[in-house]
């Protein structure tokens, strides 16, 4: 059986949410958090190792809440994303306090992840279908082209909206073979009577297609992507303007660059599952209720592990 890894990005867990860390908020009937359901789905799909990307200051809390429990059912490793974890010759700009984004998060897995892997956010629920689609894509043979063969879960926009405010989504542009051409970051997307509307960048709401595919940062990569990330991170840091303390090295931007340079082909794998997560603290009751329904429908057992 081909080894495959689930990589969970959880280093941004410092964000406060109703007095706690939102990614560690109990959501299931036995105190399960969203990550528990993602790990359960990934294992069912065939992934056989979990790597948590976290930070040194969160590591002990993380092991206590989830890591040590999960290590009893699947091999677990940790990658640490730190602000000062930079290539030789680079230093942290004065005034910068946050790590460098999702690209650096995955780069921190170099040396730990050595087989095809799926990347997810810690605080998003993705559903079973996407894990299965990505796993199967990663283990199957692909035509030997000069390009990397990557994939992503293509969620239907209407299945990813919050009832409690606008959201930002990466709307996918695809070709006739359902390969990604680009991702358009679109903010202020809300549900409307006609479907959905988004911010045009000038403060106006304009209609957008509720059936379009969006990226929820769920990607399938091969391990050689980590070498590309390493080279790209040096380039990103070299191009930072003096005084820029906020720019981030982000997966959608990196993947988009590789597509434009004809280095990668990215299959958009459509999933009809409904995404949910805790963008707003008012989203928590919706998530709790959604999980309760999934258990009632037999999608999950009452007690996962």
Protein backbone atom coordinates (compact mmCIF):
# COMPACT_ATOMS: atom_id res chain seq x y z
CA UNK A 1 0.00 0.00 0.00
CA UNK A 2 1.37 3.41 -0.99
CA UNK A 3 2.23 5.61 1.99
CA UNK A 4 0.30 8.90 2.09
CA UNK A 5 0.26 11.65 4.71
CA UNK A 6 -2.32 14.07 6.09
CA UNK A 7 -0.74 17.46 6.87
CA UNK A 8 -2.81 19.72 9.15
CA UNK A 9 -1.91 23.41 9.29
CA UNK A 10 -2.48 24.47 12.88
CA UNK A 11 0.31 26.98 13.55
CA UNK A 12 -2.10 29.93 13.32
CA UNK A 13 -3.92 28.68 16.40
CA UNK A 14 -3.15 31.77 18.45
CA UNK A 15 -6.31 33.48 17.17
CA UNK A 16 -8.71 33.91 20.07
CA UNK A 17 -12.26 32.76 19.69
CA UNK A 18 -14.86 33.30 22.41
CA UNK A 19 -12.14 33.13 25.07
CA UNK A 20 -10.38 30.03 23.67
CA UNK A 21 -8.38 28.76 20.73
CA UNK A 22 -10.98 28.18 18.04
CA UNK A 23 -9.33 25.11 16.51
CA UNK A 24 -9.46 23.35 19.90
CA UNK A 25 -13.11 24.16 20.69
CA UNK A 26 -15.13 20.99 21.46
CA UNK A 27 -17.74 20.41 18.73
CA UNK A 28 -18.72 16.73 18.97
CA UNK A 29 -20.76 14.94 21.66
CA UNK A 30 -17.64 13.62 23.43
CA UNK A 31 -15.58 16.79 23.18
CA UNK A 32 -14.29 16.03 19.66
CA UNK A 33 -12.80 18.97 17.79
CA UNK A 34 -13.08 19.55 14.03
CA UNK A 35 -9.63 18.02 13.46
CA UNK A 36 -10.84 14.69 14.91
CA UNK A 37 -13.39 14.39 12.11
CA UNK A 38 -10.83 15.31 9.44
CA UNK A 39 -8.40 12.70 10.74
CA UNK A 40 -11.16 10.07 10.88
CA UNK A 41 -12.15 10.83 7.26
CA UNK A 42 -8.52 10.85 6.07
CA UNK A 43 -7.82 7.47 7.69
CA UNK A 44 -10.97 6.03 6.13
CA UNK A 45 -9.82 7.33 2.73
CA UNK A 46 -6.45 5.55 3.12
CA UNK A 47 -4.03 8.15 4.55
CA UNK A 48 -1.71 6.44 7.00
CA UNK A 49 0.24 9.18 8.81
CA UNK A 50 -0.60 12.58 10.31
CA UNK A 51 1.75 15.57 10.52
CA UNK A 52 0.59 18.51 12.62
CA UNK A 53 2.16 21.87 11.72
CA UNK A 54 2.17 23.89 14.92
CA UNK A 55 4.43 26.20 16.94
CA UNK A 56 6.81 25.52 19.85
CA UNK A 57 4.67 27.53 22.27
CA UNK A 58 1.55 25.51 21.36
CA UNK A 59 3.12 22.07 21.16
CA UNK A 60 2.34 20.86 24.70
CA UNK A 61 -1.28 22.12 24.60
CA UNK A 62 -1.65 20.54 21.19
CA UNK A 63 -0.37 17.14 22.30
CA UNK A 64 -2.63 17.25 25.35
CA UNK A 65 -5.82 18.13 23.45
CA UNK A 66 -5.40 15.96 20.34
CA UNK A 67 -1.90 14.72 19.43
CA UNK A 68 -1.40 12.10 22.15
CA UNK A 69 -4.91 10.69 21.61
CA UNK A 70 -4.49 10.43 17.83
CA UNK A 71 -1.03 8.85 18.16
CA UNK A 72 -2.80 5.76 19.56
CA UNK A 73 -4.59 5.13 16.24
CA UNK A 74 -2.19 6.47 13.56
CA UNK A 75 1.51 7.50 13.44
CA UNK A 76 1.86 11.21 14.32
CA UNK A 77 4.71 13.67 13.78
CA UNK A 78 5.06 17.41 14.38
CA UNK A 79 6.53 20.13 12.18
CA UNK A 80 7.19 23.49 13.82
CA UNK A 81 6.51 26.73 11.94
CA UNK A 82 8.46 29.57 13.50
CA UNK A 83 8.91 33.19 12.47
CA UNK A 84 12.71 32.90 12.57
CA UNK A 85 12.90 29.61 10.65
CA UNK A 86 14.46 31.23 7.58
CA UNK A 87 16.96 30.15 4.91
CA UNK A 88 20.60 31.01 5.49
CA UNK A 89 21.35 34.67 4.86
CA UNK A 90 17.88 35.99 5.80
CA UNK A 91 16.74 37.61 9.05
CA UNK A 92 13.34 38.56 10.45
CA UNK A 93 12.47 42.20 9.52
CA UNK A 94 12.15 44.48 12.52
CA UNK A 95 8.52 44.69 13.65
CA UNK A 96 7.38 41.42 12.08
CA UNK A 97 5.52 39.21 14.61
CA UNK A 98 3.66 36.57 12.57
CA UNK A 99 5.07 33.56 10.71
CA UNK A 100 5.22 33.65 6.92
CA UNK A 101 1.98 31.99 5.82
CA UNK A 102 0.81 28.64 4.49
CA UNK A 103 3.77 28.17 2.11
CA UNK A 104 6.20 28.34 5.03
CA UNK A 105 3.90 26.07 7.07
CA UNK A 106 4.20 23.30 4.48
CA UNK A 107 7.91 23.97 3.93
CA UNK A 108 8.44 23.23 7.64
CA UNK A 109 7.46 19.60 6.80
CA UNK A 110 10.61 19.11 4.69
CA UNK A 111 12.46 16.06 6.02
CA UNK A 112 9.31 14.84 7.82
CA UNK A 113 6.98 14.29 4.83
CA UNK A 114 8.50 12.03 2.18
CA UNK A 115 5.45 10.73 0.33
CA UNK A 116 2.33 12.16 -1.39
CA UNK A 117 0.30 14.29 1.01
CA UNK A 118 -2.93 16.20 1.46
CA UNK A 119 -2.92 19.63 3.12
CA UNK A 120 -5.84 20.96 5.18
CA UNK A 121 -6.63 23.78 7.63
CA UNK A 122 -7.11 22.78 11.28
CA UNK A 123 -10.42 24.58 11.72
CA UNK A 124 -12.25 23.52 8.55
CA UNK A 125 -14.55 20.52 8.13
CA UNK A 126 -14.23 19.15 4.59
CA UNK A 127 -16.36 15.99 4.47
CA UNK A 128 -15.46 12.46 3.41
CA UNK A 129 -15.62 12.78 -0.38
CA UNK A 130 -12.72 15.20 -0.80
CA UNK A 131 -10.29 13.04 1.21
CA UNK A 132 -11.18 9.98 -0.88
CA UNK A 133 -10.84 11.87 -4.19
CA UNK A 134 -7.46 13.36 -3.25
CA UNK A 135 -6.10 10.10 -1.82
CA UNK A 136 -7.06 8.16 -4.96
CA UNK A 137 -5.54 10.83 -7.20
CA UNK A 138 -2.26 10.78 -5.23
CA UNK A 139 -1.82 7.00 -5.42
CA UNK A 140 -2.75 6.50 -9.07
CA UNK A 141 -0.27 6.66 -11.96
CA UNK A 142 -0.31 9.81 -14.09
CA UNK A 143 0.95 10.39 -17.61
CA UNK A 144 4.65 11.10 -17.53
CA UNK A 145 4.72 14.75 -18.55
CA UNK A 146 7.35 17.32 -17.65
CA UNK A 147 4.91 18.84 -15.13
CA UNK A 148 4.16 18.03 -11.50
CA UNK A 149 0.75 16.39 -11.03
CA UNK A 150 -1.05 18.07 -8.13
CA UNK A 151 -4.74 18.26 -7.24
CA UNK A 152 -7.16 20.22 -5.09
CA UNK A 153 -10.66 19.75 -3.72
CA UNK A 154 -13.09 21.92 -5.67
CA UNK A 155 -15.94 22.84 -3.33
CA UNK A 156 -19.16 24.34 -4.68
CA UNK A 157 -19.26 27.99 -3.54
CA UNK A 158 -22.83 27.66 -2.21
CA UNK A 159 -21.66 24.85 0.10
CA UNK A 160 -19.01 27.04 1.77
CA UNK A 161 -20.85 30.20 2.84
CA UNK A 162 -21.40 31.33 6.43
CA UNK A 163 -24.82 32.46 7.65
CA UNK A 164 -23.07 34.96 9.93
CA UNK A 165 -21.23 37.29 7.56
CA UNK A 166 -19.13 37.61 4.43
CA UNK A 167 -16.29 35.19 3.64
CA UNK A 168 -13.24 35.25 1.38
CA UNK A 169 -12.89 32.37 -1.07
CA UNK A 170 -10.47 31.49 -3.83
CA UNK A 171 -12.75 31.16 -6.86
CA UNK A 172 -11.23 28.69 -9.35
CA UNK A 173 -10.83 29.24 -13.06
CA UNK A 174 -10.64 25.86 -14.82
CA UNK A 175 -10.07 24.65 -18.38
CA UNK A 176 -12.23 22.14 -20.31
CA UNK A 177 -10.36 19.23 -18.66
CA UNK A 178 -11.13 20.55 -15.15
CA UNK A 179 -7.51 21.56 -14.59
CA UNK A 180 -6.87 24.72 -12.63
CA UNK A 181 -5.92 27.79 -14.65
CA UNK A 182 -5.91 30.22 -11.71
CA UNK A 183 -7.45 31.13 -8.35
CA UNK A 184 -9.14 34.51 -7.92
CA UNK A 185 -9.19 35.58 -4.25
CA UNK A 186 -12.65 37.09 -3.77
CA UNK A 187 -13.78 38.81 -0.58
CA UNK A 188 -17.08 39.73 1.05
CA UNK A 189 -19.03 36.79 -0.43
CA UNK A 190 -22.54 36.51 1.04
CA UNK A 191 -25.63 34.46 0.28
CA UNK A 192 -28.45 36.37 -1.48
CA UNK A 193 -31.96 35.53 -2.69
CA UNK A 194 -30.56 35.19 -6.23
CA UNK A 195 -27.60 33.05 -5.11
CA UNK A 196 -24.44 34.85 -4.00
CA UNK A 197 -22.81 38.25 -4.21
CA UNK A 198 -19.25 39.43 -3.64
CA UNK A 199 -17.27 42.63 -3.17
CA UNK A 200 -15.91 44.09 -6.43
CA UNK A 201 -12.98 45.70 -4.60
CA UNK A 202 -14.58 49.15 -4.75
CA UNK A 203 -17.11 48.53 -2.01
CA UNK A 204 -19.94 47.41 -4.32
CA UNK A 205 -21.74 44.06 -4.14
CA UNK A 206 -21.91 42.27 -7.49
CA UNK A 207 -23.49 38.86 -8.30
CA UNK A 208 -21.21 35.82 -8.38
CA UNK A 209 -21.91 32.25 -9.47
CA UNK A 210 -23.01 30.19 -6.47
CA UNK A 211 -22.10 27.00 -8.40
CA UNK A 212 -18.50 27.99 -9.11
CA UNK A 213 -15.66 25.90 -7.68
CA UNK A 214 -13.71 27.37 -4.79
CA UNK A 215 -10.47 26.40 -3.08
CA UNK A 216 -10.68 25.78 0.68
CA UNK A 217 -6.91 25.24 1.01
CA UNK A 218 -7.25 21.47 0.57
CA UNK A 219 -4.44 20.43 -1.77
CA UNK A 220 -2.84 17.16 -2.87
CA UNK A 221 0.92 17.39 -3.48
CA UNK A 222 3.88 15.12 -4.22
CA UNK A 223 6.91 15.37 -1.88
CA UNK A 224 9.07 17.12 -4.51
CA UNK A 225 6.78 20.15 -4.04
CA UNK A 226 8.76 20.79 -0.84
CA UNK A 227 11.90 21.47 -2.91
CA UNK A 228 9.94 23.97 -5.01
CA UNK A 229 8.70 25.63 -1.82
CA UNK A 230 12.25 25.93 -0.52
CA UNK A 231 13.49 27.67 -3.69
CA UNK A 232 10.35 29.82 -3.90
CA UNK A 233 10.66 30.97 -0.26
CA UNK A 234 14.17 32.32 -0.89
CA UNK A 235 12.87 34.18 -3.94
CA UNK A 236 9.89 35.54 -1.96
CA UNK A 237 12.16 36.82 0.83
CA UNK A 238 14.61 38.34 -1.66
CA UNK A 239 11.78 40.33 -3.26
CA UNK A 240 10.37 41.76 -0.03
CA UNK A 241 10.38 45.55 0.00
CA UNK A 242 12.07 47.27 2.92
CA UNK A 243 9.63 47.86 5.77
CA UNK A 244 7.20 45.16 4.53
CA UNK A 245 6.31 43.23 7.69
CA UNK A 246 3.00 41.73 6.57
CA UNK A 247 3.47 39.90 3.25
CA UNK A 248 2.85 36.15 3.39
CA UNK A 249 4.11 33.23 1.33
CA UNK A 250 0.78 31.60 0.46
CA UNK A 251 -0.07 28.25 -1.16
CA UNK A 252 -2.62 29.58 -3.72
CA UNK A 253 -0.08 32.15 -4.93
CA UNK A 254 2.70 29.54 -5.13
CA UNK A 255 0.54 27.01 -6.99
CA UNK A 256 -0.72 29.74 -9.33
CA UNK A 257 2.88 30.72 -10.17
CA UNK A 258 3.77 27.09 -10.93
CA UNK A 259 0.73 26.77 -13.24
CA UNK A 260 1.62 30.01 -15.09
CA UNK A 261 5.21 28.80 -15.53
CA UNK A 262 3.90 25.46 -16.95
CA UNK A 263 5.62 23.61 -14.10
CA UNK A 264 2.50 22.03 -12.60
CA UNK A 265 -0.85 20.66 -13.65
CA UNK A 266 -3.53 20.85 -10.91
CA UNK A 267 -6.67 18.71 -11.22
CA UNK A 268 -9.76 20.26 -9.62
CA UNK A 269 -11.66 17.36 -8.03
CA UNK A 270 -15.27 18.38 -7.47
CA UNK A 271 -16.80 17.55 -4.10
CA UNK A 272 -20.45 18.08 -3.28
CA UNK A 273 -19.87 17.86 0.48
CA UNK A 274 -20.83 20.85 2.59
CA UNK A 275 -17.90 22.64 4.18
CA UNK A 276 -18.23 24.21 7.60
CA UNK A 277 -15.90 25.96 9.98
CA UNK A 278 -15.66 28.62 12.65
CA UNK A 279 -15.05 31.84 10.76
CA UNK A 280 -17.21 33.70 13.32
CA UNK A 281 -17.90 32.71 16.92
CA UNK A 282 -21.61 32.58 15.99
CA UNK A 283 -20.68 29.70 13.66
CA UNK A 284 -20.00 27.32 16.58
CA UNK A 285 -23.66 26.31 17.20
CA UNK A 286 -24.05 25.68 13.44
CA UNK A 287 -20.99 23.37 13.47
CA UNK A 288 -22.18 21.52 16.59
CA UNK A 289 -25.63 21.02 15.03
CA UNK A 290 -24.12 19.92 11.68
CA UNK A 291 -22.00 17.27 13.42
CA UNK A 292 -25.01 16.12 15.47
CA UNK A 293 -26.96 15.64 12.22
CA UNK A 294 -24.12 13.71 10.56
CA UNK A 295 -24.00 11.35 13.55
CA UNK A 296 -27.80 10.92 13.43
CA UNK A 297 -27.53 10.06 9.71
CA UNK A 298 -24.89 7.41 10.46
CA UNK A 299 -22.03 9.27 8.74
CA UNK A 300 -20.01 9.16 11.99
CA UNK A 301 -20.24 7.00 15.10
CA UNK A 302 -21.15 8.75 18.36
CA UNK A 303 -17.58 8.18 19.58
CA UNK A 304 -14.92 8.48 16.88
CA UNK A 305 -11.79 6.90 18.39
